[in-house]
Protein backbone atom coordinates (compact mmCIF):
# COMPACT_ATOMS: atom_id res chain seq x y z
CA MET A 1 -0.21 -0.03 -0.09
CA ASN A 2 1.45 3.63 -1.09
CA CYS A 3 0.29 7.07 1.25
CA LYS A 4 -2.12 8.93 -0.16
CA GLU A 5 -0.56 11.87 1.20
CA CYS A 6 3.74 11.39 0.08
CA GLY A 7 2.90 7.64 -1.97
CA SER A 8 5.71 6.92 0.33
CA GLU A 9 5.20 2.46 0.48
CA ILE A 10 4.36 1.69 3.79
CA PRO A 11 4.52 -1.53 5.78
CA ALA A 12 1.23 -4.14 5.88
CA GLY A 13 -0.01 -3.01 9.74
CA MET A 14 1.39 0.30 9.61
CA SER A 15 -1.00 3.43 11.10
CA PHE A 16 1.44 6.15 10.08
CA CYS A 17 3.80 6.93 7.27
CA GLY A 18 6.42 6.90 8.02
CA LYS A 19 7.88 9.84 5.77
CA CYS A 20 5.27 12.29 6.16
CA GLY A 21 3.12 10.70 9.39
CA GLU A 22 -0.22 11.21 7.56
CA LYS A 23 -2.82 8.59 9.35
CA ILE A 24 -3.40 5.90 7.33
CA GLU A 25 -6.74 4.83 7.16
CA VAL A 26 -7.58 0.94 5.68
CA ALA A 27 -10.48 0.35 5.05
CA GLY A 28 -13.04 -1.91 7.18
CA ASP A 29 -11.07 -0.93 9.77
CA GLY A 30 -13.68 0.99 11.49
CA LEU A 31 -17.53 2.95 11.74
CA GLY A 32 -17.28 6.02 9.78
CA PRO A 33 -19.60 9.23 12.08
CA GLY A 34 -22.80 7.42 9.97
CA GLU A 35 -22.41 4.21 10.80
CA VAL A 36 -21.69 4.33 14.47
CA SER A 37 -25.21 3.02 16.12
CA GLY A 38 -26.76 2.00 19.82
CA ALA A 39 -26.33 -1.19 18.38
CA TRP A 40 -22.68 -1.65 17.91
CA LEU A 41 -21.87 -0.13 21.52
CA LYS A 42 -24.15 -2.56 22.15
CA GLN A 43 -22.76 -5.32 21.50
CA LEU A 44 -19.17 -3.48 22.52
CA LEU A 45 -20.37 -3.03 25.77
CA GLU A 46 -21.36 -6.69 26.37
CA SER A 47 -18.42 -8.10 25.29
CA GLU A 48 -16.91 -6.57 28.06
CA GLU A 49 -19.48 -7.85 30.11
CA PHE A 50 -21.47 -5.13 30.70
CA GLU A 51 -25.42 -5.26 31.35
CA VAL A 52 -26.68 -3.27 28.62
CA GLU A 53 -30.84 -1.85 28.15
CA VAL A 54 -31.32 0.71 25.51
CA ASP A 55 -34.18 2.95 25.37
CA ASP A 56 -37.27 2.18 23.52
CA SER A 57 -37.86 5.97 22.70
CA ASP A 58 -33.93 6.95 21.32
CA CYS A 59 -32.39 3.33 20.37
CA ASP A 60 -29.05 5.56 20.18
CA GLN A 61 -29.04 6.02 24.39
CA LEU A 62 -27.87 3.03 26.21
CA VAL A 63 -27.87 2.05 30.15
CA ALA A 64 -24.11 -0.07 30.50
CA THR A 65 -24.07 -1.75 34.34
CA HIS A 66 -20.79 -3.55 35.59
CA ALA A 67 -20.46 -5.22 38.62
CA LYS A 68 -16.85 -3.82 38.86
CA ARG A 69 -16.65 -0.97 36.54
CA PRO A 70 -18.49 1.91 36.55
CA ASN A 71 -22.42 2.44 34.90
CA GLN A 72 -21.84 4.56 31.70
CA ILE A 73 -24.81 6.26 30.29
CA VAL A 74 -24.30 5.96 26.56
CA GLN A 75 -25.37 8.29 23.88
CA ILE A 76 -24.68 8.84 20.19
CA LYS A 77 -25.39 12.47 19.45
CA ARG A 78 -25.30 12.65 16.09
CA ASP A 79 -25.53 16.78 15.29
CA PHE A 80 -22.32 17.18 17.29
CA LYS A 81 -20.79 13.79 15.80
CA ILE A 82 -19.64 12.73 19.01
CA VAL A 83 -20.37 9.69 21.49
CA SER A 84 -21.22 11.21 25.22
CA LEU A 85 -20.05 8.30 28.01
CA GLN A 86 -21.64 9.87 31.31
CA SER A 87 -21.07 7.90 34.73
CA PRO A 88 -23.22 8.49 37.65
CA TRP A 89 -22.08 8.22 40.96
CA SER A 90 -24.41 8.96 44.90
CA LEU A 91 -22.56 11.01 47.09
CA LYS A 92 -22.68 11.30 50.70
CA LYS A 93 -25.16 12.78 52.70
CA ARG A 94 -23.81 16.65 53.88
CA MET A 95 -24.33 18.09 56.42
CA PHE A 96 -25.23 21.74 56.81
CA GLY A 97 -22.71 23.46 54.56
CA GLY A 98 -20.65 20.89 53.22
CA LYS A 99 -20.91 22.26 50.12
CA ASP A 100 -17.06 24.10 50.23
CA GLY A 101 -15.56 20.38 51.01
CA ILE A 102 -17.47 19.01 47.27
CA LEU A 103 -16.85 22.35 45.42
CA ASN A 104 -13.21 21.85 46.12
CA ALA A 105 -12.74 18.68 45.01
CA LEU A 106 -14.80 19.33 41.75
CA ASN A 107 -11.92 22.01 40.73
CA LYS A 108 -9.23 20.09 41.59
CA ALA A 109 -10.93 16.79 39.38
CA ASN A 110 -11.28 19.69 36.33
CA ALA A 111 -7.95 21.11 37.19
CA SER A 112 -6.30 17.39 36.66
CA SER A 113 -9.03 15.95 33.73
CA TRP A 114 -7.79 15.90 30.20
CA TYR A 115 -10.29 13.21 29.15
CA SER A 116 -13.67 13.77 32.10
CA THR A 117 -15.37 16.29 32.90
CA PHE A 118 -16.95 16.52 36.57
CA TYR A 119 -20.18 17.86 37.56
CA VAL A 120 -22.44 17.63 41.06
CA ASP A 121 -25.85 18.42 40.93
CA PHE A 122 -26.63 18.72 44.90
CA ASP A 123 -30.53 18.87 44.51
CA SER A 124 -29.90 15.11 43.80
CA ASP A 125 -26.87 14.65 45.58
CA ARG A 126 -25.08 13.42 42.44
CA LEU A 127 -21.53 13.52 41.39
CA THR A 128 -21.25 12.80 37.47
CA THR A 129 -18.28 12.09 35.29
CA SER A 130 -18.35 13.09 31.13
CA PHE A 131 -16.48 11.68 28.18
CA TYR A 132 -16.67 12.21 24.95
CA ILE A 133 -15.08 10.23 22.02
CA GLN A 134 -15.42 12.60 18.59
CA LEU A 135 -16.98 11.09 15.54
CA SER A 136 -14.24 12.88 12.65
CA SER A 137 -13.08 9.78 10.26
CA GLN A 138 -13.33 6.14 11.62
CA LEU A 139 -13.56 4.81 14.97
CA SER A 140 -13.10 0.70 15.54
CA GLY A 141 -14.60 -1.05 18.56
CA SER A 142 -11.04 -1.17 20.31
CA ASP A 143 -10.33 2.11 19.04
CA PHE A 144 -14.16 2.71 21.67
CA LEU A 145 -12.74 0.44 24.11
CA GLY A 146 -9.67 1.21 24.35
CA LEU A 147 -11.14 4.98 24.51
CA LEU A 148 -13.10 3.94 27.42
CA GLU A 149 -10.50 2.58 29.70
CA LYS A 150 -8.55 5.61 29.33
CA ALA A 151 -11.65 7.58 30.76
CA GLU A 152 -12.01 5.02 33.76
CA GLU A 153 -8.64 5.27 34.47
CA ASP A 154 -8.58 8.77 34.40
CA PHE A 155 -11.60 9.13 36.30
CA PHE A 156 -10.72 7.31 39.13
CA ARG A 157 -7.08 8.67 38.90
CA ILE A 158 -8.66 12.11 39.73
CA LEU A 159 -11.35 10.87 42.29
CA ASN A 160 -8.10 9.65 44.50
CA SER A 161 -5.89 12.65 44.07
CA SER A 162 -8.76 15.20 43.96
CA GLY A 163 -10.47 14.20 47.09
CA LEU A 164 -13.73 13.88 45.04
CA SER A 165 -13.52 9.76 46.59
CA GLU A 166 -13.87 10.87 50.26
CA HIS A 167 -18.16 12.58 49.13
CA LEU A 168 -18.74 9.09 47.29
CA ALA A 169 -21.68 6.91 48.75
């Protein structure tokens, strides 16, 4: 195969051209933005032992639960060309005036994370982390699962280093 940018020969299995650095797109390697579906994501998550429910009113929204991993609310947002993943967590009941510690930990978490955004709903005592996967060219199943794993690793690292873990129920 030759690089579409500079024409150099590219050995099999390479992801980037060794001469110009162009990303190599392999036909059949993944799905394009319009091809990613709730059914495909369901199959991927079930391969990782998640229990997955599809929203009856919107087949692009899933709820994935797991005994040992963060639960995920997964949505394909086609207008924005992203897959949104949100993990909800219950917070401990606060005593009067107990918001300051949570807000300080929340600010530290958001300042430290490259992958996730953390936010708190004090009315429902819920912490949610959000992570987004951009659907730009092609997304393979291994790419999706790898990004999910990176987001989970980042979440737990930030959760512990920021002090947010002390506030979880």
